[in-house]
C-alpha atoms as a PDB file:
ATOM      1  CA  MET A   1     -28.647 -24.273 -32.619  1.00  0.00           C
ATOM      2  CA  ALA A   2     -27.491 -24.055 -29.012  1.00  0.00           C
ATOM      3  CA  ASP A   3     -29.722 -22.309 -26.510  1.00  0.00           C
ATOM      4  CA  GLU A   4     -28.826 -18.678 -25.930  1.00  0.00           C
ATOM      5  CA  LEU A   5     -27.182 -18.114 -22.549  1.00  0.00           C
ATOM      6  CA  LYS A   6     -27.866 -15.033 -20.463  1.00  0.00           C
ATOM      7  CA  ILE A   7     -25.577 -13.400 -17.908  1.00  0.00           C
ATOM      8  CA  GLU A   8     -28.185 -14.082 -15.216  1.00  0.00           C
ATOM      9  CA  ASP A   9     -27.510 -17.804 -15.622  1.00  0.00           C
ATOM     10  CA  PHE A  10     -24.035 -17.313 -14.157  1.00  0.00           C
ATOM     11  CA  LEU A  11     -24.902 -15.047 -11.221  1.00  0.00           C
ATOM     12  CA  LEU A  12     -25.479 -16.251  -7.682  1.00  0.00           C
ATOM     13  CA  PRO A  13     -28.770 -15.193  -6.093  1.00  0.00           C
ATOM     14  CA  LEU A  14     -27.115 -12.851  -3.612  1.00  0.00           C
ATOM     15  CA  LYS A  15     -30.338 -11.973  -1.809  1.00  0.00           C
ATOM     16  CA  ARG A  16     -30.773 -15.530  -0.635  1.00  0.00           C
ATOM     17  CA  SER A  17     -29.400 -16.608   2.715  1.00  0.00           C
ATOM     18  CA  ASN A  18     -26.482 -18.990   3.253  1.00  0.00           C
ATOM     19  CA  LYS A  19     -28.911 -21.723   4.295  1.00  0.00           C
ATOM     20  CA  GLU A  20     -30.854 -21.387   1.045  1.00  0.00           C
ATOM     21  CA  MET A  21     -27.659 -21.489  -1.007  1.00  0.00           C
ATOM     22  CA  LYS A  22     -26.414 -24.458   1.072  1.00  0.00           C
ATOM     23  CA  LEU A  23     -22.898 -23.091   1.446  1.00  0.00           C
ATOM     24  CA  ASP A  24     -20.434 -25.516   2.997  1.00  0.00           C
ATOM     25  CA  ILE A  25     -19.565 -23.439   6.081  1.00  0.00           C
ATOM     26  CA  ASN A  26     -19.022 -24.715   9.603  1.00  0.00           C
ATOM     27  CA  TYR A  27     -20.497 -22.287  12.136  1.00  0.00           C
ATOM     28  CA  ILE A  28     -19.952 -21.627  15.836  1.00  0.00           C
ATOM     29  CA  GLU A  29     -23.420 -21.013  17.216  1.00  0.00           C
ATOM     30  CA  THR A  30     -23.818 -18.121  19.659  1.00  0.00           C
ATOM     31  CA  GLU A  31     -26.671 -16.988  21.894  1.00  0.00           C
ATOM     32  CA  TYR A  32     -27.283 -13.974  19.645  1.00  0.00           C
ATOM     33  CA  GLU A  33     -30.008 -14.490  17.051  1.00  0.00           C
ATOM     34  CA  VAL A  34     -28.649 -11.522  15.113  1.00  0.00           C
ATOM     35  CA  PHE A  35     -25.443 -13.520  14.477  1.00  0.00           C
ATOM     36  CA  ASN A  36     -27.072 -16.920  14.080  1.00  0.00           C
ATOM     37  CA  ASN A  37     -29.814 -15.935  11.656  1.00  0.00           C
ATOM     38  CA  GLU A  38     -29.859 -12.315  10.513  1.00  0.00           C
ATOM     39  CA  VAL A  39     -26.175 -11.755   9.697  1.00  0.00           C
ATOM     40  CA  THR A  40     -24.486 -15.062   8.900  1.00  0.00           C
ATOM     41  CA  GLY A  41     -27.248 -17.640   8.755  1.00  0.00           C
ATOM     42  CA  GLY A  42     -25.660 -19.975  11.282  1.00  0.00           C
ATOM     43  CA  GLY A  43     -23.395 -18.207  13.784  1.00  0.00           C
ATOM     44  CA  LEU A  44     -19.718 -17.311  13.597  1.00  0.00           C
ATOM     45  CA  PRO A  45     -18.270 -18.865  10.410  1.00  0.00           C
ATOM     46  CA  ARG A  46     -15.059 -20.853  10.859  1.00  0.00           C
ATOM     47  CA  GLY A  47     -12.330 -19.927   8.406  1.00  0.00           C
ATOM     48  CA  HIS A  48     -13.795 -16.456   7.839  1.00  0.00           C
ATOM     49  CA  ILE A  49     -13.449 -12.858   9.081  1.00  0.00           C
ATOM     50  CA  VAL A  50     -16.338 -10.915  10.628  1.00  0.00           C
ATOM     51  CA  GLU A  51     -16.103  -7.142  11.061  1.00  0.00           C
ATOM     52  CA  VAL A  52     -17.902  -5.584  14.037  1.00  0.00           C
ATOM     53  CA  ALA A  53     -17.901  -1.812  13.574  1.00  0.00           C
ATOM     54  CA  GLY A  54     -19.494   1.140  15.308  1.00  0.00           C
ATOM     55  CA  PRO A  55     -18.792   4.604  16.744  1.00  0.00           C
ATOM     56  CA  THR A  56     -16.671   4.995  19.868  1.00  0.00           C
ATOM     57  CA  HIS A  57     -18.318   3.719  23.075  1.00  0.00           C
ATOM     58  CA  PHE A  58     -21.161   1.963  21.267  1.00  0.00           C
ATOM     59  CA  GLY A  59     -20.519  -1.503  22.710  1.00  0.00           C
ATOM     60  CA  LYS A  60     -18.194  -3.231  20.216  1.00  0.00           C
ATOM     61  CA  THR A  61     -15.862  -4.586  22.902  1.00  0.00           C
ATOM     62  CA  THR A  62     -18.790  -5.399  25.181  1.00  0.00           C
ATOM     63  CA  LEU A  63     -20.484  -7.404  22.430  1.00  0.00           C
ATOM     64  CA  CYS A  64     -17.289  -9.339  21.673  1.00  0.00           C
ATOM     65  CA  ALA A  65     -16.616  -9.990  25.362  1.00  0.00           C
ATOM     66  CA  ASN A  66     -20.156 -11.277  25.809  1.00  0.00           C
ATOM     67  CA  VAL A  67     -19.810 -13.648  22.848  1.00  0.00           C
ATOM     68  CA  VAL A  68     -16.416 -14.824  24.134  1.00  0.00           C
ATOM     69  CA  GLY A  69     -17.903 -15.464  27.573  1.00  0.00           C
ATOM     70  CA  GLN A  70     -20.649 -17.601  26.022  1.00  0.00           C
ATOM     71  CA  LEU A  71     -18.208 -19.683  24.003  1.00  0.00           C
ATOM     72  CA  GLN A  72     -15.742 -19.922  26.894  1.00  0.00           C
ATOM     73  CA  LYS A  73     -18.386 -21.665  29.006  1.00  0.00           C
ATOM     74  CA  LYS A  74     -18.939 -24.181  26.199  1.00  0.00           C
ATOM     75  CA  GLY A  75     -15.236 -25.088  26.080  1.00  0.00           C
ATOM     76  CA  PHE A  76     -14.165 -23.205  22.958  1.00  0.00           C
ATOM     77  CA  LYS A  77     -10.574 -21.925  22.808  1.00  0.00           C
ATOM     78  CA  ILE A  78     -10.370 -18.135  22.495  1.00  0.00           C
ATOM     79  CA  LEU A  79      -7.505 -15.791  21.585  1.00  0.00           C
ATOM     80  CA  TRP A  80      -8.015 -12.112  22.468  1.00  0.00           C
ATOM     81  CA  ILE A  81      -5.727  -9.511  20.834  1.00  0.00           C
ATOM     82  CA  PRO A  82      -6.090  -6.139  22.614  1.00  0.00           C
ATOM     83  CA  ALA A  83      -4.828  -3.308  20.423  1.00  0.00           C
ATOM     84  CA  GLU A  84      -6.208  -0.835  22.967  1.00  0.00           C
ATOM     85  CA  PRO A  85      -5.670  -0.789  26.767  1.00  0.00           C
ATOM     86  CA  LEU A  86      -7.520  -3.795  28.142  1.00  0.00           C
ATOM     87  CA  ASP A  87      -9.665  -3.325  31.230  1.00  0.00           C
ATOM     88  CA  TYR A  88      -9.716  -6.804  32.778  1.00  0.00           C
ATOM     89  CA  ASP A  89     -12.446  -5.917  35.261  1.00  0.00           C
ATOM     90  CA  TYR A  90     -14.636  -4.592  32.467  1.00  0.00           C
ATOM     91  CA  ILE A  91     -14.378  -7.596  30.146  1.00  0.00           C
ATOM     92  CA  GLU A  92     -14.976  -9.860  33.155  1.00  0.00           C
ATOM     93  CA  SER A  93     -18.156  -7.933  33.969  1.00  0.00           C
ATOM     94  CA  ALA A  94     -19.156  -8.372  30.302  1.00  0.00           C
ATOM     95  CA  GLY A  95     -19.021 -12.149  30.614  1.00  0.00           C
ATOM     96  CA  ILE A  96     -15.433 -13.432  30.345  1.00  0.00           C
ATOM     97  CA  ASP A  97     -14.177 -15.596  33.200  1.00  0.00           C
ATOM     98  CA  MET A  98     -10.781 -14.161  34.222  1.00  0.00           C
ATOM     99  CA  SER A  99     -10.552 -15.934  37.583  1.00  0.00           C
ATOM    100  CA  ASP A 100      -7.500 -17.977  38.583  1.00  0.00           C
ATOM    101  CA  GLY A 101      -9.589 -21.112  38.912  1.00  0.00           C
ATOM    102  CA  CYS A 102     -11.118 -20.891  35.435  1.00  0.00           C
ATOM    103  CA  LYS A 103     -11.051 -24.293  33.712  1.00  0.00           C
ATOM    104  CA  ASN A 104     -10.996 -22.760  30.221  1.00  0.00           C
ATOM    105  CA  PRO A 105      -9.066 -19.456  30.378  1.00  0.00           C
ATOM    106  CA  ILE A 106      -8.769 -17.296  27.288  1.00  0.00           C
ATOM    107  CA  THR A 107      -5.363 -16.517  25.779  1.00  0.00           C
ATOM    108  CA  ILE A 108      -4.343 -12.850  25.552  1.00  0.00           C
ATOM    109  CA  LEU A 109      -1.765 -11.982  22.905  1.00  0.00           C
ATOM    110  CA  ASP A 110       1.220  -9.922  24.020  1.00  0.00           C
ATOM    111  CA  PHE A 111       2.824  -7.930  21.184  1.00  0.00           C
ATOM    112  CA  SER A 112       4.993  -4.855  20.699  1.00  0.00           C
ATOM    113  CA  THR A 113       4.402  -3.496  17.194  1.00  0.00           C
ATOM    114  CA  ALA A 114       1.856  -4.048  14.439  1.00  0.00           C
ATOM    115  CA  GLU A 115       4.370  -6.178  12.577  1.00  0.00           C
ATOM    116  CA  ASP A 116       4.908  -8.281  15.701  1.00  0.00           C
ATOM    117  CA  LEU A 117       1.146  -8.697  16.030  1.00  0.00           C
ATOM    118  CA  ALA A 118       0.870  -9.849  12.418  1.00  0.00           C
ATOM    119  CA  ASN A 119       3.624 -12.454  12.812  1.00  0.00           C
ATOM    120  CA  LYS A 120       2.230 -13.862  16.046  1.00  0.00           C
ATOM    121  CA  THR A 121      -1.351 -13.900  14.801  1.00  0.00           C
ATOM    122  CA  LYS A 122      -0.314 -15.798  11.681  1.00  0.00           C
ATOM    123  CA  LEU A 123       1.528 -18.258  13.906  1.00  0.00           C
ATOM    124  CA  MET A 124      -1.586 -18.789  16.032  1.00  0.00           C
ATOM    125  CA  ILE A 125      -3.720 -19.327  12.935  1.00  0.00           C
ATOM    126  CA  ALA A 126      -1.219 -21.874  11.641  1.00  0.00           C
ATOM    127  CA  LEU A 127      -1.356 -23.770  14.939  1.00  0.00           C
ATOM    128  CA  ASP A 128      -5.104 -24.225  14.441  1.00  0.00           C
ATOM    129  CA  ILE A 129      -5.826 -24.503  18.171  1.00  0.00           C
ATOM    130  CA  PHE A 130      -8.233 -21.569  18.587  1.00  0.00           C
ATOM    131  CA  ASP A 131     -11.899 -21.522  17.681  1.00  0.00           C
ATOM    132  CA  LEU A 132     -12.200 -17.732  17.843  1.00  0.00           C
ATOM    133  CA  ILE A 133      -9.679 -14.897  17.504  1.00  0.00           C
ATOM    134  CA  VAL A 134     -10.813 -11.387  18.497  1.00  0.00           C
ATOM    135  CA  ILE A 135      -8.744  -8.388  17.327  1.00  0.00           C
ATOM    136  CA  ASP A 136      -9.881  -5.267  19.203  1.00  0.00           C
ATOM    137  CA  SER A 137      -9.447  -3.003  17.299  1.00  0.00           C
ATOM    138  CA  ALA A 138      -8.107  -2.254  13.811  1.00  0.00           C
ATOM    139  CA  GLN A 139      -7.887   1.470  14.502  1.00  0.00           C
ATOM    140  CA  GLY A 140      -5.724   0.940  17.583  1.00  0.00           C
ATOM    141  CA  ILE A 141      -2.905  -0.868  15.770  1.00  0.00           C
ATOM    142  CA  ASN A 142      -0.109   1.377  14.469  1.00  0.00           C
ATOM    143  CA  PRO A 143       2.678   0.169  12.145  1.00  0.00           C
ATOM    144  CA  THR A 144       6.220   0.951  13.301  1.00  0.00           C
ATOM    145  CA  LYS A 145       6.709   3.774  10.781  1.00  0.00           C
ATOM    146  CA  THR A 146       3.680   5.658  12.059  1.00  0.00           C
ATOM    147  CA  VAL A 147       4.807   5.357  15.678  1.00  0.00           C
ATOM    148  CA  GLU A 148       8.274   6.745  14.902  1.00  0.00           C
ATOM    149  CA  ALA A 149       7.064   9.447  12.487  1.00  0.00           C
ATOM    150  CA  GLU A 150       7.073  13.108  13.428  1.00  0.00           C
ATOM    151  CA  GLY A 151       5.765  16.340  11.940  1.00  0.00           C
ATOM    152  CA  LYS A 152       4.477  16.136   8.376  1.00  0.00           C
ATOM    153  CA  GLU A 153       5.210  12.404   8.192  1.00  0.00           C
ATOM    154  CA  ARG A 154       2.348  11.824  10.639  1.00  0.00           C
ATOM    155  CA  MET A 155      -0.028  12.782   7.835  1.00  0.00           C
ATOM    156  CA  ASP A 156       0.717   9.428   6.203  1.00  0.00           C
ATOM    157  CA  VAL A 157      -0.528   7.457   9.217  1.00  0.00           C
ATOM    158  CA  ASN A 158      -3.785   6.423   7.574  1.00  0.00           C
ATOM    159  CA  GLN A 159      -1.993   5.289   4.438  1.00  0.00           C
ATOM    160  CA  ALA A 160       0.464   3.219   6.482  1.00  0.00           C
ATOM    161  CA  LYS A 161      -2.403   1.573   8.387  1.00  0.00           C
ATOM    162  CA  ALA A 162      -4.214   0.831   5.153  1.00  0.00           C
ATOM    163  CA  LYS A 163      -1.114  -0.798   3.695  1.00  0.00           C
ATOM    164  CA  PHE A 164      -0.543  -2.870   6.848  1.00  0.00           C
ATOM    165  CA  TRP A 165      -4.097  -4.238   6.959  1.00  0.00           C
ATOM    166  CA  THR A 166      -4.142  -4.914   3.220  1.00  0.00           C
ATOM    167  CA  LEU A 167      -0.938  -6.964   3.410  1.00  0.00           C
ATOM    168  CA  PHE A 168      -1.818  -8.740   6.661  1.00  0.00           C
ATOM    169  CA  LEU A 169      -5.313  -9.795   5.596  1.00  0.00           C
ATOM    170  CA  SER A 170      -4.053 -10.755   2.134  1.00  0.00           C
ATOM    171  CA  ASP A 171      -1.525 -13.079   3.782  1.00  0.00           C
ATOM    172  CA  ILE A 172      -3.912 -14.894   6.097  1.00  0.00           C
ATOM    173  CA  CYS A 173      -6.593 -15.223   3.399  1.00  0.00           C
ATOM    174  CA  GLY A 174      -4.340 -15.819   0.396  1.00  0.00           C
ATOM    175  CA  GLY A 175      -1.720 -18.042   2.035  1.00  0.00           C
ATOM    176  CA  TYR A 176       1.544 -17.717   3.956  1.00  0.00           C
ATOM    177  CA  GLN A 177       4.388 -19.738   5.476  1.00  0.00           C
ATOM    178  CA  VAL A 178       5.555 -19.786   9.094  1.00  0.00           C
ATOM    179  CA  LYS A 179       9.275 -19.100   9.284  1.00  0.00           C
ATOM    180  CA  LYS A 180      11.609 -20.941  11.612  1.00  0.00           C
ATOM    181  CA  GLY A 181      12.254 -19.145  14.873  1.00  0.00           C
ATOM    182  CA  ALA A 182       8.948 -17.284  14.770  1.00  0.00           C
ATOM    183  CA  ASN A 183       8.262 -15.292  17.937  1.00  0.00           C
ATOM    184  CA  LEU A 184       6.042 -17.099  20.408  1.00  0.00           C
ATOM    185  CA  VAL A 185       3.179 -15.769  22.455  1.00  0.00           C
ATOM    186  CA  LYS A 186       3.279 -14.840  26.129  1.00  0.00           C
ATOM    187  CA  SER A 187       0.024 -16.110  27.525  1.00  0.00           C
ATOM    188  CA  ASN A 188      -1.669 -18.245  30.124  1.00  0.00           C
ATOM    189  CA  HIS A 189      -1.530 -21.265  27.813  1.00  0.00           C
ATOM    190  CA  ALA A 190       1.413 -23.586  27.156  1.00  0.00           C
ATOM    191  CA  VAL A 191       1.686 -22.305  23.592  1.00  0.00           C
ATOM    192  CA  THR A 192       5.411 -23.078  23.308  1.00  0.00           C
ATOM    193  CA  GLU A 193       4.810 -26.807  23.663  1.00  0.00           C
ATOM    194  CA  LEU A 194       2.072 -26.684  21.047  1.00  0.00           C
ATOM    195  CA  VAL A 195       4.333 -24.859  18.619  1.00  0.00           C
ATOM    196  CA  ASN A 196       7.119 -27.377  19.048  1.00  0.00           C
ATOM    197  CA  GLY A 197       4.718 -30.263  18.617  1.00  0.00           C
ATOM    198  CA  LYS A 198       2.614 -29.084  15.691  1.00  0.00           C
ATOM    199  CA  LEU A 199       4.691 -26.807  13.443  1.00  0.00           C
ATOM    200  CA  GLU A 200       7.381 -29.097  12.121  1.00  0.00           C
ATOM    201  CA  LEU A 201       6.618 -28.501   8.424  1.00  0.00           C
ATOM    202  CA  ASN A 202       7.712 -24.920   7.769  1.00  0.00           C
ATOM    203  CA  GLU A 203       6.992 -25.196   4.037  1.00  0.00           C
ATOM    204  CA  THR A 204       3.257 -25.635   4.604  1.00  0.00           C
ATOM    205  CA  ILE A 205       1.055 -22.936   3.086  1.00  0.00           C
ATOM    206  CA  HIS A 206      -1.470 -21.807   5.695  1.00  0.00           C
ATOM    207  CA  LYS A 207      -4.809 -20.221   4.809  1.00  0.00           C
ATOM    208  CA  LEU A 208      -7.545 -19.065   7.141  1.00  0.00           C
ATOM    209  CA  GLU A 209     -10.209 -20.887   5.106  1.00  0.00           C
ATOM    210  CA  HIS A 210      -8.507 -24.194   5.926  1.00  0.00           C
ATOM    211  CA  LYS A 211      -8.461 -23.525   9.683  1.00  0.00           C
ATOM    212  CA  LYS A 212     -11.135 -23.955  12.331  1.00  0.00           C
ATOM    213  CA  CYS A 213     -11.012 -20.435  13.771  1.00  0.00           C
ATOM    214  CA  CYS A 214     -13.227 -17.456  13.062  1.00  0.00           C
ATOM    215  CA  ILE A 215     -11.708 -13.971  13.339  1.00  0.00           C
ATOM    216  CA  ILE A 216     -13.704 -11.030  14.699  1.00  0.00           C
ATOM    217  CA  LEU A 217     -12.127  -7.667  13.873  1.00  0.00           C
ATOM    218  CA  THR A 218     -13.603  -4.631  15.598  1.00  0.00           C
ATOM    219  CA  ASN A 219     -13.289  -1.280  13.878  1.00  0.00           C
ATOM    220  CA  HIS A 220     -14.447   2.295  14.294  1.00  0.00           C
ATOM    221  CA  LEU A 221     -17.330   3.517  12.164  1.00  0.00           C
ATOM    222  CA  LYS A 222     -16.771   7.041  10.890  1.00  0.00           C
ATOM    223  CA  LYS A 223     -18.579   9.486   8.634  1.00  0.00           C
ATOM    224  CA  GLY A 224     -16.834  11.069   5.702  1.00  0.00           C
ATOM    225  CA  ILE A 225     -16.483  14.798   5.192  1.00  0.00           C
ATOM    226  CA  GLY A 226     -19.468  16.468   3.554  1.00  0.00           C
ATOM    227  CA  MET A 227     -23.239  16.614   3.934  1.00  0.00           C
ATOM    228  CA  PHE A 228     -23.907  13.496   1.865  1.00  0.00           C
ATOM    229  CA  ALA A 229     -20.794  11.544   2.843  1.00  0.00           C
ATOM    230  CA  GLU A 230     -21.345   7.890   3.686  1.00  0.00           C
ATOM    231  CA  GLN A 231     -20.070   6.070   6.760  1.00  0.00           C
ATOM    232  CA  TYR A 232     -16.899   4.028   6.453  1.00  0.00           C
ATOM    233  CA  THR A 233     -14.410   2.041   8.512  1.00  0.00           C
ATOM    234  CA  PRO A 234     -10.735   3.169   8.619  1.00  0.00           C
ATOM    235  CA  ALA A 235      -7.644   1.119   7.705  1.00  0.00           C
ATOM    236  CA  GLY A 236      -8.089   1.280   3.942  1.00  0.00           C
ATOM    237  CA  SER A 237     -10.493  -0.204   1.426  1.00  0.00           C
ATOM    238  CA  GLY A 238      -8.321  -3.254   0.716  1.00  0.00           C
ATOM    239  CA  LYS A 239      -9.561  -4.938   3.879  1.00  0.00           C
ATOM    240  CA  ASP A 240     -13.168  -4.777   2.683  1.00  0.00           C
ATOM    241  CA  PHE A 241     -12.528  -7.555   0.167  1.00  0.00           C
ATOM    242  CA  ARG A 242     -11.456  -9.924   2.965  1.00  0.00           C
ATOM    243  CA  PHE A 243     -14.525  -9.680   5.198  1.00  0.00           C
ATOM    244  CA  SER A 244     -17.096 -12.429   4.821  1.00  0.00           C
ATOM    245  CA  TYR A 245     -19.592 -10.578   7.008  1.00  0.00           C
ATOM    246  CA  ARG A 246     -19.879  -7.022   8.333  1.00  0.00           C
ATOM    247  CA  PHE A 247     -21.857  -6.186  11.470  1.00  0.00           C
ATOM    248  CA  TRP A 248     -22.286  -2.446  11.956  1.00  0.00           C
ATOM    249  CA  ILE A 249     -23.739  -0.884  15.074  1.00  0.00           C
ATOM    250  CA  VAL A 250     -25.276   2.305  13.682  1.00  0.00           C
ATOM    251  CA  PRO A 251     -26.704   5.164  15.803  1.00  0.00           C
ATOM    252  CA  THR A 252     -30.170   6.345  14.773  1.00  0.00           C
ATOM    253  CA  LYS A 253     -32.752   8.750  16.220  1.00  0.00           C
ATOM    254  CA  GLY A 254     -34.627   5.822  17.740  1.00  0.00           C
ATOM    255  CA  GLY A 255     -31.564   4.246  19.328  1.00  0.00           C
ATOM    256  CA  ILE A 256     -29.085   1.724  17.939  1.00  0.00           C
ATOM    257  CA  LYS A 257     -29.583  -0.077  14.646  1.00  0.00           C
ATOM    258  CA  ARG A 258     -27.682  -3.273  13.924  1.00  0.00           C
END
């Protein structure tokens, strides 16, 4: 008689770290121990999405800029996608080299609408030339319908954002194709030449897990309505299934808890 199998035999030991489980993940090591050991067990994971969330003015952008500045000095290629007004002096004070003589300048994505951002970001992922892509932030990106809406239609803004992020993250994680004539990026890199030289096969299915870049998505951390409501991040629950790691900066009585 065959040995009786239990459900526990098929479950991964989720409490163990990535190092203990020996997951085949290539990491970008940072100077933050909280990233390298406590959160991910190695650094920023290539081919994965990391959410950095916290209340307004709690240092999400500062943290990302500091990490970008570290990696910039080491020669890594960075793409920064500012969904909110970007203060160049501020991010430079946080660690990013924005000088004209910088030997490894970061690329800043120029986009018009949320749909334009999605198309260009997918193009940049397909190119596989960036080590890190920072999207700052999810809450600041508005789909076209929400921008043009008026009156009662504005009440559907959150639903439209949720749908956008669900579809966008499903594409880059599940697979997509780059169409011919895709819009290019205006930046301080010669991206056009790279596109012409590397994207000849338009039938290729691109997935983030097959690329070398890690994506950091910043988001606002909010509290639901009610005394016992839990904290959550906007832009729908569909996105939660696409994050490999979540780093929340949470305010407490004693200060800030990571």
